[in-house]
C-alpha atoms as a PDB file:
ATOM      1  CA  MET A   1      66.459  99.347  63.489  1.00  0.00           C
ATOM      2  CA  LYS A   2      69.235  97.949  66.547  1.00  0.00           C
ATOM      3  CA  LYS A   3      71.693  96.723  63.533  1.00  0.00           C
ATOM      4  CA  LEU A   4      71.363 100.215  62.315  1.00  0.00           C
ATOM      5  CA  ALA A   5      72.171 101.971  65.236  1.00  0.00           C
ATOM      6  CA  ALA A   6      74.780  99.566  66.349  1.00  0.00           C
ATOM      7  CA  ILE A   7      76.781 100.500  62.880  1.00  0.00           C
ATOM      8  CA  LEU A   8      76.328 104.048  63.675  1.00  0.00           C
ATOM      9  CA  CYS A   9      77.879 103.936  66.900  1.00  0.00           C
ATOM     10  CA  LEU A  10      80.649 101.638  65.462  1.00  0.00           C
ATOM     11  CA  SER A  11      81.196 104.481  62.802  1.00  0.00           C
ATOM     12  CA  ALA A  12      81.519 106.865  64.970  1.00  0.00           C
ATOM     13  CA  LEU A  13      83.842 105.059  67.456  1.00  0.00           C
ATOM     14  CA  THR A  14      86.019 104.130  64.433  1.00  0.00           C
ATOM     15  CA  THR A  15      86.516 107.960  63.330  1.00  0.00           C
ATOM     16  CA  GLY A  16      87.285 109.102  66.630  1.00  0.00           C
ATOM     17  CA  ALA A  17      89.962 106.380  67.039  1.00  0.00           C
ATOM     18  CA  PHE A  18      91.782 106.960  63.646  1.00  0.00           C
ATOM     19  CA  ALA A  19      91.299 110.680  64.203  1.00  0.00           C
ATOM     20  CA  GLN A  20      93.825 113.263  63.380  1.00  0.00           C
ATOM     21  CA  GLY A  21      94.556 116.885  65.357  1.00  0.00           C
ATOM     22  CA  LEU A  22      96.917 119.111  64.401  1.00  0.00           C
ATOM     23  CA  VAL A  23     100.032 120.723  65.316  1.00  0.00           C
ATOM     24  CA  GLN A  24     102.221 123.468  64.400  1.00  0.00           C
ATOM     25  CA  PHE A  25     105.921 122.639  64.660  1.00  0.00           C
ATOM     26  CA  ALA A  26     107.637 126.098  64.891  1.00  0.00           C
ATOM     27  CA  ASN A  27     106.514 129.312  66.723  1.00  0.00           C
ATOM     28  CA  GLY A  28     108.812 132.380  67.366  1.00  0.00           C
ATOM     29  CA  VAL A  29     111.836 132.812  69.376  1.00  0.00           C
ATOM     30  CA  GLY A  30     110.458 129.908  71.853  1.00  0.00           C
ATOM     31  CA  SER A  31     111.467 127.428  69.273  1.00  0.00           C
ATOM     32  CA  LEU A  32     115.157 128.154  69.116  1.00  0.00           C
ATOM     33  CA  ILE A  33     117.271 125.167  69.807  1.00  0.00           C
ATOM     34  CA  SER A  34     120.813 125.629  71.698  1.00  0.00           C
ATOM     35  CA  SER A  35     123.116 123.076  71.970  1.00  0.00           C
ATOM     36  CA  THR A  36     125.491 122.427  75.047  1.00  0.00           C
ATOM     37  CA  GLN A  37     129.114 121.315  74.689  1.00  0.00           C
ATOM     38  CA  ASN A  38     131.378 121.708  77.741  1.00  0.00           C
ATOM     39  CA  GLY A  39     129.266 124.126  79.659  1.00  0.00           C
ATOM     40  CA  THR A  40     129.076 126.244  76.618  1.00  0.00           C
ATOM     41  CA  SER A  41     125.437 127.080  74.909  1.00  0.00           C
ATOM     42  CA  ALA A  42     125.092 128.186  71.370  1.00  0.00           C
ATOM     43  CA  THR A  43     122.184 128.612  69.292  1.00  0.00           C
ATOM     44  CA  LEU A  44     121.814 126.669  66.446  1.00  0.00           C
ATOM     45  CA  ALA A  45     120.876 129.549  63.845  1.00  0.00           C
ATOM     46  CA  ALA A  46     123.586 129.536  61.971  1.00  0.00           C
ATOM     47  CA  SER A  47     123.806 125.479  61.058  1.00  0.00           C
ATOM     48  CA  PRO A  48     122.930 125.129  57.194  1.00  0.00           C
ATOM     49  CA  VAL A  49     119.531 124.133  56.408  1.00  0.00           C
ATOM     50  CA  GLY A  50     118.344 120.310  57.149  1.00  0.00           C
ATOM     51  CA  SER A  51     121.579 120.181  59.061  1.00  0.00           C
ATOM     52  CA  TYR A  52     119.196 118.916  62.171  1.00  0.00           C
ATOM     53  CA  TYR A  53     115.861 117.056  62.457  1.00  0.00           C
ATOM     54  CA  TYR A  54     113.106 116.735  65.083  1.00  0.00           C
ATOM     55  CA  GLY A  55     110.615 114.104  65.913  1.00  0.00           C
ATOM     56  CA  LEU A  56     107.394 114.863  67.985  1.00  0.00           C
ATOM     57  CA  LEU A  57     106.625 112.118  70.841  1.00  0.00           C
ATOM     58  CA  THR A  58     103.235 111.625  72.349  1.00  0.00           C
ATOM     59  CA  SER A  59     101.586 110.139  74.727  1.00  0.00           C
ATOM     60  CA  ALA A  60      98.016 109.778  76.863  1.00  0.00           C
ATOM     61  CA  THR A  61     100.229 110.384  80.138  1.00  0.00           C
ATOM     62  CA  ALA A  62     102.797 112.537  81.397  1.00  0.00           C
ATOM     63  CA  ALA A  63     104.764 109.885  82.605  1.00  0.00           C
ATOM     64  CA  GLY A  64     104.774 108.131  79.490  1.00  0.00           C
ATOM     65  CA  PRO A  65     105.441 106.151  77.192  1.00  0.00           C
ATOM     66  CA  PHE A  66     106.065 108.294  75.145  1.00  0.00           C
ATOM     67  CA  THR A  67     105.873 107.114  71.169  1.00  0.00           C
ATOM     68  CA  PHE A  68     107.095 108.575  67.981  1.00  0.00           C
ATOM     69  CA  ALA A  69     104.049 110.232  65.910  1.00  0.00           C
ATOM     70  CA  ASN A  70     105.592 110.011  62.719  1.00  0.00           C
ATOM     71  CA  VAL A  71     106.008 113.882  62.609  1.00  0.00           C
ATOM     72  CA  TYR A  72     109.412 115.363  61.369  1.00  0.00           C
ATOM     73  CA  ALA A  73     110.942 118.809  61.057  1.00  0.00           C
ATOM     74  CA  THR A  74     114.101 120.436  60.172  1.00  0.00           C
ATOM     75  CA  ASN A  75     115.883 123.476  61.506  1.00  0.00           C
ATOM     76  CA  THR A  76     114.907 126.339  58.425  1.00  0.00           C
ATOM     77  CA  ALA A  77     117.253 129.124  57.029  1.00  0.00           C
ATOM     78  CA  ALA A  78     114.709 131.671  59.596  1.00  0.00           C
ATOM     79  CA  GLY A  79     117.322 129.996  62.412  1.00  0.00           C
ATOM     80  CA  SER A  80     117.141 127.012  64.034  1.00  0.00           C
ATOM     81  CA  LYS A  81     112.926 127.252  64.191  1.00  0.00           C
ATOM     82  CA  LEU A  82     111.140 123.695  63.730  1.00  0.00           C
ATOM     83  CA  GLY A  83     109.630 124.121  60.115  1.00  0.00           C
ATOM     84  CA  PRO A  84     108.182 127.184  58.707  1.00  0.00           C
ATOM     85  CA  PRO A  85     105.366 129.007  60.747  1.00  0.00           C
ATOM     86  CA  THR A  86     102.688 127.625  58.198  1.00  0.00           C
ATOM     87  CA  TYR A  87     103.950 123.790  58.908  1.00  0.00           C
ATOM     88  CA  GLN A  88     100.566 122.346  60.705  1.00  0.00           C
ATOM     89  CA  PRO A  89     100.875 118.455  60.700  1.00  0.00           C
ATOM     90  CA  ALA A  90      98.243 116.380  61.684  1.00  0.00           C
ATOM     91  CA  VAL A  91      99.293 114.160  64.234  1.00  0.00           C
ATOM     92  CA  ALA A  92      97.372 110.382  64.362  1.00  0.00           C
ATOM     93  CA  GLY A  93      95.512 109.446  67.653  1.00  0.00           C
ATOM     94  CA  TRP A  94      95.552 112.984  68.871  1.00  0.00           C
ATOM     95  CA  ALA A  95      92.141 113.839  67.896  1.00  0.00           C
ATOM     96  CA  ALA A  96      91.325 117.539  67.859  1.00  0.00           C
ATOM     97  CA  GLY A  97      90.001 118.927  71.041  1.00  0.00           C
ATOM     98  CA  SER A  98      91.776 116.109  73.006  1.00  0.00           C
ATOM     99  CA  THR A  99      94.692 116.519  75.413  1.00  0.00           C
ATOM    100  CA  MET A 100      97.672 114.987  74.996  1.00  0.00           C
ATOM    101  CA  PHE A 101     101.390 114.706  76.544  1.00  0.00           C
ATOM    102  CA  PHE A 102     104.114 115.827  74.203  1.00  0.00           C
ATOM    103  CA  GLU A 103     107.603 116.192  73.743  1.00  0.00           C
ATOM    104  CA  VAL A 104     110.615 117.101  71.080  1.00  0.00           C
ATOM    105  CA  ALA A 105     113.328 114.924  70.312  1.00  0.00           C
ATOM    106  CA  GLY A 106     116.426 116.890  68.184  1.00  0.00           C
ATOM    107  CA  TRP A 107     119.050 115.309  66.667  1.00  0.00           C
ATOM    108  CA  SER A 108     122.108 115.947  63.917  1.00  0.00           C
ATOM    109  CA  ALA A 109     121.797 114.905  60.342  1.00  0.00           C
ATOM    110  CA  SER A 110     124.680 112.533  60.947  1.00  0.00           C
ATOM    111  CA  GLU A 111     122.447 110.292  63.232  1.00  0.00           C
ATOM    112  CA  GLY A 112     120.006 109.923  59.948  1.00  0.00           C
ATOM    113  CA  ALA A 113     117.131 111.243  58.763  1.00  0.00           C
ATOM    114  CA  THR A 114     114.789 108.582  59.954  1.00  0.00           C
ATOM    115  CA  TRP A 115     113.662 108.749  63.694  1.00  0.00           C
ATOM    116  CA  ASN A 116     115.143 105.245  65.522  1.00  0.00           C
ATOM    117  CA  ASN A 117     113.539 103.759  68.953  1.00  0.00           C
ATOM    118  CA  SER A 118     116.712 102.477  70.039  1.00  0.00           C
ATOM    119  CA  TRP A 119     117.982 106.325  70.409  1.00  0.00           C
ATOM    120  CA  LEU A 120     115.523 105.999  73.683  1.00  0.00           C
ATOM    121  CA  VAL A 121     115.938 103.659  76.950  1.00  0.00           C
ATOM    122  CA  GLY A 122     112.465 104.599  78.657  1.00  0.00           C
ATOM    123  CA  ASN A 123     112.427 107.948  78.468  1.00  0.00           C
ATOM    124  CA  ALA A 124     116.018 109.270  78.355  1.00  0.00           C
ATOM    125  CA  ARG A 125     118.960 109.169  75.632  1.00  0.00           C
ATOM    126  CA  ASN A 126     120.742 105.590  75.495  1.00  0.00           C
ATOM    127  CA  ASP A 127     124.201 106.137  75.563  1.00  0.00           C
ATOM    128  CA  SER A 128     124.501 102.393  74.454  1.00  0.00           C
ATOM    129  CA  PHE A 129     123.199 102.777  71.101  1.00  0.00           C
ATOM    130  CA  ASN A 130     125.941 102.976  68.158  1.00  0.00           C
ATOM    131  CA  TRP A 131     126.536 106.616  67.887  1.00  0.00           C
ATOM    132  CA  ALA A 132     127.960 109.029  65.351  1.00  0.00           C
ATOM    133  CA  GLN A 133     129.525 112.060  66.231  1.00  0.00           C
ATOM    134  CA  GLY A 134     126.727 114.006  66.649  1.00  0.00           C
ATOM    135  CA  TRP A 135     124.082 116.039  69.135  1.00  0.00           C
ATOM    136  CA  PHE A 136     120.747 114.653  70.559  1.00  0.00           C
ATOM    137  CA  GLY A 137     118.577 115.947  72.907  1.00  0.00           C
ATOM    138  CA  LEU A 138     114.695 115.722  74.198  1.00  0.00           C
ATOM    139  CA  SER A 139     112.925 118.943  75.357  1.00  0.00           C
ATOM    140  CA  GLY A 140     110.906 119.157  78.277  1.00  0.00           C
ATOM    141  CA  ILE A 141     107.399 117.562  78.346  1.00  0.00           C
ATOM    142  CA  ALA A 142     104.078 119.525  77.869  1.00  0.00           C
ATOM    143  CA  SER A 143     100.550 118.904  77.335  1.00  0.00           C
ATOM    144  CA  GLY A 144      97.829 120.845  74.557  1.00  0.00           C
ATOM    145  CA  VAL A 145      94.920 120.474  72.814  1.00  0.00           C
ATOM    146  CA  ALA A 146      95.055 119.876  69.134  1.00  0.00           C
ATOM    147  CA  THR A 147      92.954 121.451  66.980  1.00  0.00           C
ATOM    148  CA  ALA A 148      91.191 121.067  63.626  1.00  0.00           C
ATOM    149  CA  SER A 149      91.265 122.535  60.362  1.00  0.00           C
ATOM    150  CA  PRO A 150      90.378 125.249  59.421  1.00  0.00           C
ATOM    151  CA  ALA A 151      91.341 126.561  63.065  1.00  0.00           C
ATOM    152  CA  PRO A 152      94.667 127.525  64.075  1.00  0.00           C
ATOM    153  CA  ALA A 153      97.055 124.602  65.022  1.00  0.00           C
ATOM    154  CA  PHE A 154      98.160 124.241  68.501  1.00  0.00           C
ATOM    155  CA  PRO A 155     101.544 125.560  68.505  1.00  0.00           C
ATOM    156  CA  LEU A 156     104.264 122.888  70.183  1.00  0.00           C
ATOM    157  CA  PHE A 157     106.561 125.810  70.909  1.00  0.00           C
ATOM    158  CA  GLY A 158     106.006 129.039  72.236  1.00  0.00           C
ATOM    159  CA  GLY A 159     103.515 130.620  74.821  1.00  0.00           C
ATOM    160  CA  THR A 160     102.936 127.936  77.498  1.00  0.00           C
ATOM    161  CA  ALA A 161     104.110 124.788  75.442  1.00  0.00           C
ATOM    162  CA  LEU A 162     107.231 124.083  74.844  1.00  0.00           C
ATOM    163  CA  SER A 163     109.877 126.734  75.475  1.00  0.00           C
ATOM    164  CA  GLY A 164     112.942 125.190  73.419  1.00  0.00           C
ATOM    165  CA  PHE A 165     115.571 122.621  74.989  1.00  0.00           C
ATOM    166  CA  SER A 166     119.332 121.872  74.387  1.00  0.00           C
ATOM    167  CA  LEU A 167     120.838 119.055  72.294  1.00  0.00           C
ATOM    168  CA  GLY A 168     123.898 117.566  73.689  1.00  0.00           C
ATOM    169  CA  VAL A 169     126.951 116.400  72.298  1.00  0.00           C
ATOM    170  CA  VAL A 170     126.511 112.299  72.041  1.00  0.00           C
ATOM    171  CA  PRO A 171     129.742 109.879  72.797  1.00  0.00           C
ATOM    172  CA  VAL A 172     131.812 108.558  69.897  1.00  0.00           C
ATOM    173  CA  PRO A 173     131.441 104.920  70.097  1.00  0.00           C
ATOM    174  CA  GLU A 174     134.787 103.392  71.766  1.00  0.00           C
ATOM    175  CA  PRO A 175     135.704 100.311  72.877  1.00  0.00           C
ATOM    176  CA  THR A 176     135.897  99.364  76.956  1.00  0.00           C
ATOM    177  CA  SER A 177     138.899  99.206  78.617  1.00  0.00           C
ATOM    178  CA  MET A 178     137.741  95.764  79.223  1.00  0.00           C
ATOM    179  CA  ALA A 179     137.316  94.938  75.706  1.00  0.00           C
ATOM    180  CA  LEU A 180     140.778  96.234  74.766  1.00  0.00           C
ATOM    181  CA  ALA A 181     142.308  94.347  77.753  1.00  0.00           C
ATOM    182  CA  GLY A 182     141.100  91.093  76.521  1.00  0.00           C
ATOM    183  CA  LEU A 183     142.273  91.785  73.171  1.00  0.00           C
ATOM    184  CA  GLY A 184     145.509  92.555  74.660  1.00  0.00           C
ATOM    185  CA  ALA A 185     145.395  89.463  76.562  1.00  0.00           C
ATOM    186  CA  ALA A 186     144.276  87.291  73.527  1.00  0.00           C
ATOM    187  CA  ALA A 187     147.394  88.814  71.921  1.00  0.00           C
ATOM    188  CA  LEU A 188     149.682  87.708  74.507  1.00  0.00           C
ATOM    189  CA  ALA A 189     148.404  84.352  74.824  1.00  0.00           C
ATOM    190  CA  MET A 190     148.780  84.106  71.053  1.00  0.00           C
ATOM    191  CA  VAL A 191     152.826  85.369  71.020  1.00  0.00           C
ATOM    192  CA  ALA A 192     153.062  82.881  73.577  1.00  0.00           C
ATOM    193  CA  LYS A 193     151.786  80.104  72.102  1.00  0.00           C
ATOM    194  CA  ALA A 194     153.839  80.857  68.648  1.00  0.00           C
ATOM    195  CA  SER A 195     157.427  81.185  70.709  1.00  0.00           C
ATOM    196  CA  LEU A 196     156.673  77.235  72.049  1.00  0.00           C
END
């Protein structure tokens, strides 16, 4: 009898550990994303479908660390919403009925279609990463309770959740001044040696 009780308890714990809650990766005008460059902001509604990707980052605490939840979305024909309103991905580790903190990362397709943890240092953009010419941004941090099917999914945007965020231009990798100076010095040394 004790063995049976232990097995049932372990089964319940294991099921809870792998439980998934549903979130909705879109929601009305609150999901419009803006781009900011040289102090000017504009929505990305005119961008071709699939030109931007978004990923969900979650954490058990507001302070983080935030990790990629393996949930993607992209901008759609209906402006720059994060997927159609019916898109309700399951998030592993965010059990239905439990509260999690989350944020959304957005990036242009020029950076690749797959999330890269090297894009972050702590919880900020890693500007020493070898960026392509493109855009990257992190939303603010929000919290919410995921739901279970068939209940409506928790919306990431709109209402009391996230209200949208800006994508900032990412730097094009350039050699530093010190590297250029070093190359110049090496070239001068080679020329001086060759003339001897």
